[in-house]
Amino acid sequence: MEEAIRKADTLIEALGWIRQFRGKTTVIKLGGSLLQDIDALRHVLLDIVFMETVGMRPVIVHGGGAAISAALEDAGIETRFVHGRRFTDSRTLDVVEQVLAVEINEQLANQVEDLGGRAMTLNFQSTNVLFGAPAEVRVEGNVVELGFVGVVTEMDRAVVDNLTYAGTIPIIPSMCMDSNGQKYNVNADTAATSVAQLLGAEKLIFVSDVNGVRLDRDDPESRIDTLVPDQARQLIADGVIEEGMIPKVEACLETLEKGVGKVHIIDGRIRHSVLLEIYTTAGVGTQIIRQEDQQ
């Protein structure tokens, strides 16, 4: 009986959050090692199906770096990274499209369907919704050549809105196309950021393999529950936020400035971490909120 009561208490705690976020769009970025962890990925997708079932409008944006690197190795194509971005020539682009926009995209949709949800692939073979231009990265004032690497500047929002309104989860690979039909490889974090901004999403959730921003990157117990922009920038300046977490946090801050309500960084390996972050008061990751929303 006590266990049953605890379960009921959890549902009651979730009720307020379910009411608050019902009908609101949440963008979930999937990538990194999570896509290689079958069990963790299944639980994250199950959480996303739950979100849709109780009235939220989840949108998945995904990468697939590890699978792409493995496919390039199998094809005898050298993997090159330039300032953290994968250099993408025409041969690499073909592999990226096949792995990212076809194989992984369809696998995620099939898994959502297997879990009882409804999903739609939004790739170049079905319906592309992301449009953009070549990325321009400057180092010390000089433009760095990245090949067919792009940034998202526009999206077909009507397609995504219609799907979520109908109870279908859109699944979007991190690629885009320009006005001439040229395809581009897009960094998954920046693609998710752009999608959240262009949709006017309530939330953007980065599902990663760390449990949020930490005061000590090697100590999971040093996780920071809530950050505001001034604190985040100070932690970057002090070197507490470092290396790969810097561009992720900077993307979070830019997203807040563009109107997205909150940004979360969570560890997808924690079972039901998405639900725990959204539907409980304490959460399990780091939420980054606007200065004026801090209580």
Protein backbone atom coordinates (compact mmCIF):
# COMPACT_ATOMS: atom_id res chain seq x y z
CA MET A 1 0.00 0.00 0.00
CA GLU A 2 2.80 2.45 0.87
CA GLU A 3 4.41 1.88 -2.51
CA ALA A 4 1.08 2.47 -4.26
CA ILE A 5 0.63 5.73 -2.32
CA ARG A 6 4.11 6.90 -3.32
CA LYS A 7 3.25 6.23 -6.96
CA ALA A 8 0.04 8.24 -6.56
CA ASP A 9 1.98 11.10 -4.94
CA THR A 10 4.36 11.12 -7.93
CA LEU A 11 1.43 11.35 -10.33
CA ILE A 12 -0.06 14.22 -8.35
CA GLU A 13 3.27 16.07 -8.41
CA ALA A 14 3.40 15.57 -12.17
CA LEU A 15 -0.16 16.82 -12.64
CA GLY A 16 0.71 20.49 -12.22
CA TRP A 17 3.55 20.26 -14.74
CA ILE A 18 1.38 18.29 -17.19
CA ARG A 19 -1.25 21.03 -17.06
CA GLN A 20 1.38 23.75 -17.49
CA PHE A 21 3.02 22.20 -20.54
CA ARG A 22 -0.03 20.71 -22.26
CA GLY A 23 -0.14 21.92 -25.85
CA LYS A 24 3.40 23.36 -25.65
CA THR A 25 6.20 22.38 -28.04
CA THR A 26 9.38 20.81 -26.67
CA VAL A 27 12.40 20.11 -28.89
CA ILE A 28 14.52 17.13 -27.81
CA LYS A 29 18.00 16.77 -29.24
CA LEU A 30 19.27 13.19 -29.40
CA GLY A 31 22.83 12.32 -30.30
CA GLY A 32 26.22 11.25 -29.11
CA SER A 33 26.65 8.00 -27.25
CA LEU A 34 22.93 7.80 -26.46
CA LEU A 35 22.15 6.57 -29.97
CA GLN A 36 24.61 3.72 -29.41
CA ASP A 37 23.00 2.68 -26.11
CA ILE A 38 19.96 0.63 -27.11
CA ASP A 39 18.44 0.38 -23.63
CA ALA A 40 18.91 4.06 -22.73
CA LEU A 41 17.56 5.18 -26.09
CA ARG A 42 14.47 3.02 -25.66
CA HIS A 43 13.66 4.62 -22.32
CA VAL A 44 14.19 8.14 -23.69
CA LEU A 45 11.87 7.42 -26.62
CA LEU A 46 9.31 5.93 -24.23
CA ASP A 47 9.46 9.16 -22.21
CA ILE A 48 8.86 11.14 -25.40
CA VAL A 49 5.84 8.97 -26.29
CA PHE A 50 4.51 9.62 -22.77
CA MET A 51 4.96 13.38 -23.27
CA GLU A 52 2.86 13.30 -26.43
CA THR A 53 0.24 11.10 -24.78
CA VAL A 54 -0.36 13.64 -21.98
CA GLY A 55 -0.66 16.56 -24.38
CA MET A 56 2.81 17.95 -24.98
CA ARG A 57 4.11 18.37 -28.51
CA PRO A 58 7.60 16.81 -28.68
CA VAL A 59 9.84 17.29 -31.72
CA ILE A 60 12.99 15.17 -32.08
CA VAL A 61 16.15 16.54 -33.73
CA HIS A 62 18.98 14.04 -33.95
CA GLY A 63 22.60 13.66 -34.90
CA GLY A 64 24.59 10.47 -35.35
CA GLY A 65 28.29 11.25 -35.23
CA ALA A 66 29.53 7.86 -34.01
CA ALA A 67 27.57 5.93 -36.65
CA ILE A 68 28.74 8.33 -39.36
CA SER A 69 32.39 7.92 -38.35
CA ALA A 70 32.02 4.12 -38.40
CA ALA A 71 30.40 4.21 -41.85
CA LEU A 72 33.14 6.49 -43.20
CA GLU A 73 35.79 4.11 -41.87
CA ASP A 74 34.04 1.17 -43.54
CA ALA A 75 33.99 3.13 -46.81
CA GLY A 76 37.69 3.99 -46.53
CA ILE A 77 36.99 7.72 -46.20
CA GLU A 78 39.14 9.69 -43.77
CA THR A 79 37.31 11.54 -40.99
CA ARG A 80 38.57 15.08 -40.50
CA PHE A 81 37.46 17.58 -37.88
CA VAL A 82 38.20 21.28 -38.22
CA HIS A 83 37.59 23.30 -35.04
CA GLY A 84 35.09 20.75 -33.80
CA ARG A 85 33.14 20.44 -37.07
CA ARG A 86 33.30 17.44 -39.40
CA PHE A 87 34.87 18.48 -42.71
CA THR A 88 32.30 17.36 -45.27
CA ASP A 89 33.31 16.83 -48.89
CA SER A 90 30.92 15.32 -51.44
CA ARG A 91 31.78 11.70 -50.60
CA THR A 92 31.42 12.35 -46.87
CA LEU A 93 28.12 14.14 -47.50
CA ASP A 94 26.70 11.06 -49.27
CA VAL A 95 27.58 8.89 -46.26
CA VAL A 96 26.18 11.44 -43.81
CA GLU A 97 22.88 11.55 -45.70
CA GLN A 98 22.57 7.76 -45.88
CA VAL A 99 23.42 7.17 -42.21
CA LEU A 100 21.83 10.24 -40.63
CA ALA A 101 18.87 11.18 -42.84
CA VAL A 102 17.89 7.66 -43.86
CA GLU A 103 19.05 4.89 -41.53
CA ILE A 104 19.01 6.57 -38.10
CA ASN A 105 16.01 8.75 -38.97
CA GLU A 106 13.92 5.74 -39.99
CA GLN A 107 15.14 3.62 -37.06
CA LEU A 108 14.02 6.27 -34.56
CA ALA A 109 10.61 6.54 -36.20
CA ASN A 110 10.18 2.76 -36.18
CA GLN A 111 11.16 2.58 -32.50
CA VAL A 112 8.64 5.26 -31.56
CA GLU A 113 5.94 3.33 -33.44
CA ASP A 114 6.96 0.09 -31.70
CA LEU A 115 6.50 1.86 -28.35
CA GLY A 116 2.94 2.80 -29.22
CA GLY A 117 3.53 6.33 -30.50
CA ARG A 118 3.09 7.88 -33.91
CA ALA A 119 6.12 9.29 -35.73
CA MET A 120 7.00 10.86 -39.07
CA THR A 121 10.44 11.02 -40.68
CA LEU A 122 11.23 14.46 -42.08
CA ASN A 123 14.18 13.79 -44.36
CA PHE A 124 15.13 14.42 -47.98
CA GLN A 125 13.30 11.27 -49.12
CA SER A 126 10.04 12.17 -47.40
CA THR A 127 9.57 15.86 -46.52
CA ASN A 128 12.52 18.12 -45.83
CA VAL A 129 11.70 20.96 -43.43
CA LEU A 130 15.13 22.50 -42.73
CA PHE A 131 16.64 25.07 -45.09
CA GLY A 132 19.88 26.94 -44.74
CA ALA A 133 23.20 28.10 -46.10
CA PRO A 134 26.90 27.23 -45.83
CA ALA A 135 28.31 27.68 -42.33
CA GLU A 136 30.91 30.38 -41.95
CA VAL A 137 33.38 29.69 -39.17
CA ARG A 138 36.09 32.26 -38.51
CA VAL A 139 39.27 31.67 -36.54
CA GLU A 140 41.38 34.75 -35.81
CA GLY A 141 39.48 36.62 -38.51
CA ASN A 142 40.03 34.02 -41.21
CA VAL A 143 37.26 31.89 -42.73
CA VAL A 144 37.80 28.16 -42.13
CA GLU A 145 36.88 25.86 -45.02
CA LEU A 146 34.48 23.12 -43.90
CA GLY A 147 33.08 21.86 -47.20
CA PHE A 148 29.36 21.09 -47.21
CA VAL A 149 28.68 22.11 -43.61
CA GLY A 150 25.67 24.34 -43.15
CA VAL A 151 23.51 26.28 -40.73
CA VAL A 152 19.73 26.28 -40.52
CA THR A 153 18.15 29.65 -41.34
CA GLU A 154 14.55 28.68 -42.12
CA MET A 155 12.13 25.80 -41.60
CA ASP A 156 8.75 24.73 -42.89
CA ARG A 157 7.03 25.27 -39.57
CA ALA A 158 3.57 24.44 -40.91
CA VAL A 159 4.55 20.82 -41.57
CA VAL A 160 5.91 20.36 -38.03
CA ASP A 161 3.00 22.16 -36.37
CA ASN A 162 0.44 20.09 -38.29
CA LEU A 163 2.13 16.84 -37.29
CA THR A 164 2.34 17.72 -33.58
CA TYR A 165 -1.26 18.99 -33.60
CA ALA A 166 -2.31 15.59 -34.96
CA GLY A 167 -0.42 13.70 -32.23
CA THR A 168 2.52 12.68 -34.42
CA ILE A 169 6.14 13.10 -33.33
CA PRO A 170 8.31 14.71 -36.06
CA ILE A 171 11.81 13.24 -36.32
CA ILE A 172 14.27 15.60 -37.99
CA PRO A 173 17.87 14.76 -38.99
CA SER A 174 20.48 17.50 -38.58
CA MET A 175 20.83 18.29 -42.29
CA CYS A 176 19.48 21.14 -44.40
CA MET A 177 19.14 22.23 -48.02
CA ASP A 178 19.70 25.59 -49.70
CA SER A 179 17.55 27.28 -52.36
CA ASN A 180 19.52 25.54 -55.11
CA GLY A 181 18.93 22.07 -53.70
CA GLN A 182 22.42 21.65 -52.26
CA LYS A 183 22.41 19.55 -49.10
CA TYR A 184 24.48 20.33 -46.02
CA ASN A 185 25.64 18.53 -42.90
CA VAL A 186 24.63 20.51 -39.78
CA ASN A 187 25.95 20.23 -36.23
CA ALA A 188 23.12 18.56 -34.28
CA ASP A 189 23.29 20.96 -31.31
CA THR A 190 23.02 24.03 -33.54
CA ALA A 191 20.28 22.38 -35.63
CA ALA A 192 18.22 21.69 -32.50
CA THR A 193 18.80 25.24 -31.31
CA SER A 194 17.57 26.64 -34.62
CA VAL A 195 14.51 24.38 -34.66
CA ALA A 196 13.57 25.41 -31.10
CA GLN A 197 13.92 29.08 -31.99
CA LEU A 198 11.98 28.82 -35.26
CA LEU A 199 9.16 26.87 -33.59
CA GLY A 200 8.99 29.21 -30.60
CA ALA A 201 9.35 26.13 -28.38
CA GLU A 202 8.59 26.16 -24.67
CA LYS A 203 11.61 23.95 -23.97
CA LEU A 204 14.78 22.65 -25.60
CA ILE A 205 16.25 19.51 -24.04
CA PHE A 206 19.77 18.32 -24.82
CA VAL A 207 19.88 14.60 -24.02
CA SER A 208 23.57 13.82 -23.57
CA ASP A 209 25.86 11.55 -21.58
CA VAL A 210 26.45 13.97 -18.68
CA ASN A 211 23.94 14.95 -16.02
CA GLY A 212 24.19 18.68 -16.67
CA VAL A 213 26.62 21.49 -15.94
CA ARG A 214 28.97 20.60 -13.08
CA LEU A 215 31.17 22.65 -10.78
CA ASP A 216 33.64 19.75 -11.09
CA ARG A 217 33.31 17.99 -14.43
CA ASP A 218 34.52 14.70 -12.90
CA ASP A 219 32.00 14.77 -10.04
CA PRO A 220 28.36 14.04 -10.98
CA GLU A 221 27.30 15.18 -7.50
CA SER A 222 28.47 18.73 -8.31
CA ARG A 223 25.65 19.22 -10.82
CA ILE A 224 24.16 22.71 -10.89
CA ASP A 225 20.38 22.51 -10.79
CA THR A 226 19.55 25.95 -12.23
CA LEU A 227 21.60 28.54 -14.11
CA VAL A 228 20.81 32.02 -15.37
CA PRO A 229 22.79 33.64 -18.22
CA ASP A 230 25.02 35.84 -16.02
CA GLN A 231 26.03 32.85 -13.89
CA ALA A 232 26.68 30.70 -16.96
CA ARG A 233 28.89 33.33 -18.58
CA GLN A 234 30.85 33.77 -15.35
CA LEU A 235 31.41 30.00 -15.09
CA ILE A 236 32.74 30.00 -18.65
CA ALA A 237 35.04 32.93 -17.87
CA ASP A 238 36.27 31.18 -14.70
CA GLY A 239 37.01 27.97 -16.61
CA VAL A 240 34.44 25.91 -14.67
CA ILE A 241 32.46 25.32 -17.85
CA GLU A 242 35.07 24.12 -20.33
CA GLU A 243 35.80 22.26 -23.56
CA GLY A 244 32.78 20.65 -25.23
CA MET A 245 30.31 22.05 -22.71
CA ILE A 246 31.11 25.65 -23.71
CA PRO A 247 29.44 25.63 -27.18
CA LYS A 248 26.47 23.73 -25.75
CA VAL A 249 25.91 26.29 -22.98
CA GLU A 250 26.48 29.19 -25.39
CA ALA A 251 23.84 27.65 -27.70
CA CYS A 252 21.50 27.45 -24.68
CA LEU A 253 22.00 31.15 -23.92
CA GLU A 254 21.37 32.13 -27.54
CA THR A 255 18.21 30.03 -27.54
CA LEU A 256 16.86 31.82 -24.46
CA GLU A 257 17.55 35.17 -26.12
CA LYS A 258 15.47 34.04 -29.13
CA GLY A 259 12.39 33.36 -27.03
CA VAL A 260 12.58 29.69 -25.97
CA GLY A 261 11.32 29.37 -22.37
CA LYS A 262 13.87 27.01 -20.80
CA VAL A 263 16.79 24.87 -21.89
CA HIS A 264 17.73 21.62 -20.15
CA ILE A 265 20.86 19.44 -20.26
CA ILE A 266 20.27 15.91 -18.95
CA ASP A 267 21.89 12.48 -18.94
CA GLY A 268 19.88 10.14 -21.13
CA ARG A 269 21.45 7.11 -19.44
CA ILE A 270 19.44 7.84 -16.29
CA ARG A 271 16.25 5.85 -16.65
CA HIS A 272 13.30 8.15 -17.49
CA SER A 273 15.50 11.22 -17.15
CA VAL A 274 13.33 13.20 -19.57
CA LEU A 275 10.19 12.67 -17.49
CA LEU A 276 12.03 13.31 -14.22
CA GLU A 277 13.40 16.59 -15.54
CA ILE A 278 10.08 17.87 -16.89
CA TYR A 279 7.50 16.49 -14.48
CA THR A 280 9.22 16.70 -11.09
CA THR A 281 10.13 19.77 -9.07
CA ALA A 282 13.75 18.78 -8.39
CA GLY A 283 14.68 17.49 -11.86
CA VAL A 284 17.79 15.48 -12.68
CA GLY A 285 19.78 17.81 -14.94
CA THR A 286 20.62 21.49 -15.35
CA GLN A 287 17.97 23.95 -16.43
CA ILE A 288 19.07 27.27 -17.88
CA ILE A 289 16.46 29.99 -17.50
CA ARG A 290 16.12 33.69 -18.13
CA GLN A 291 17.33 36.12 -15.48
CA GLU A 292 13.81 37.41 -14.84
CA ASP A 293 12.41 33.89 -14.34
CA GLN A 294 14.70 33.15 -11.41
CA GLN A 295 12.80 32.93 -8.14
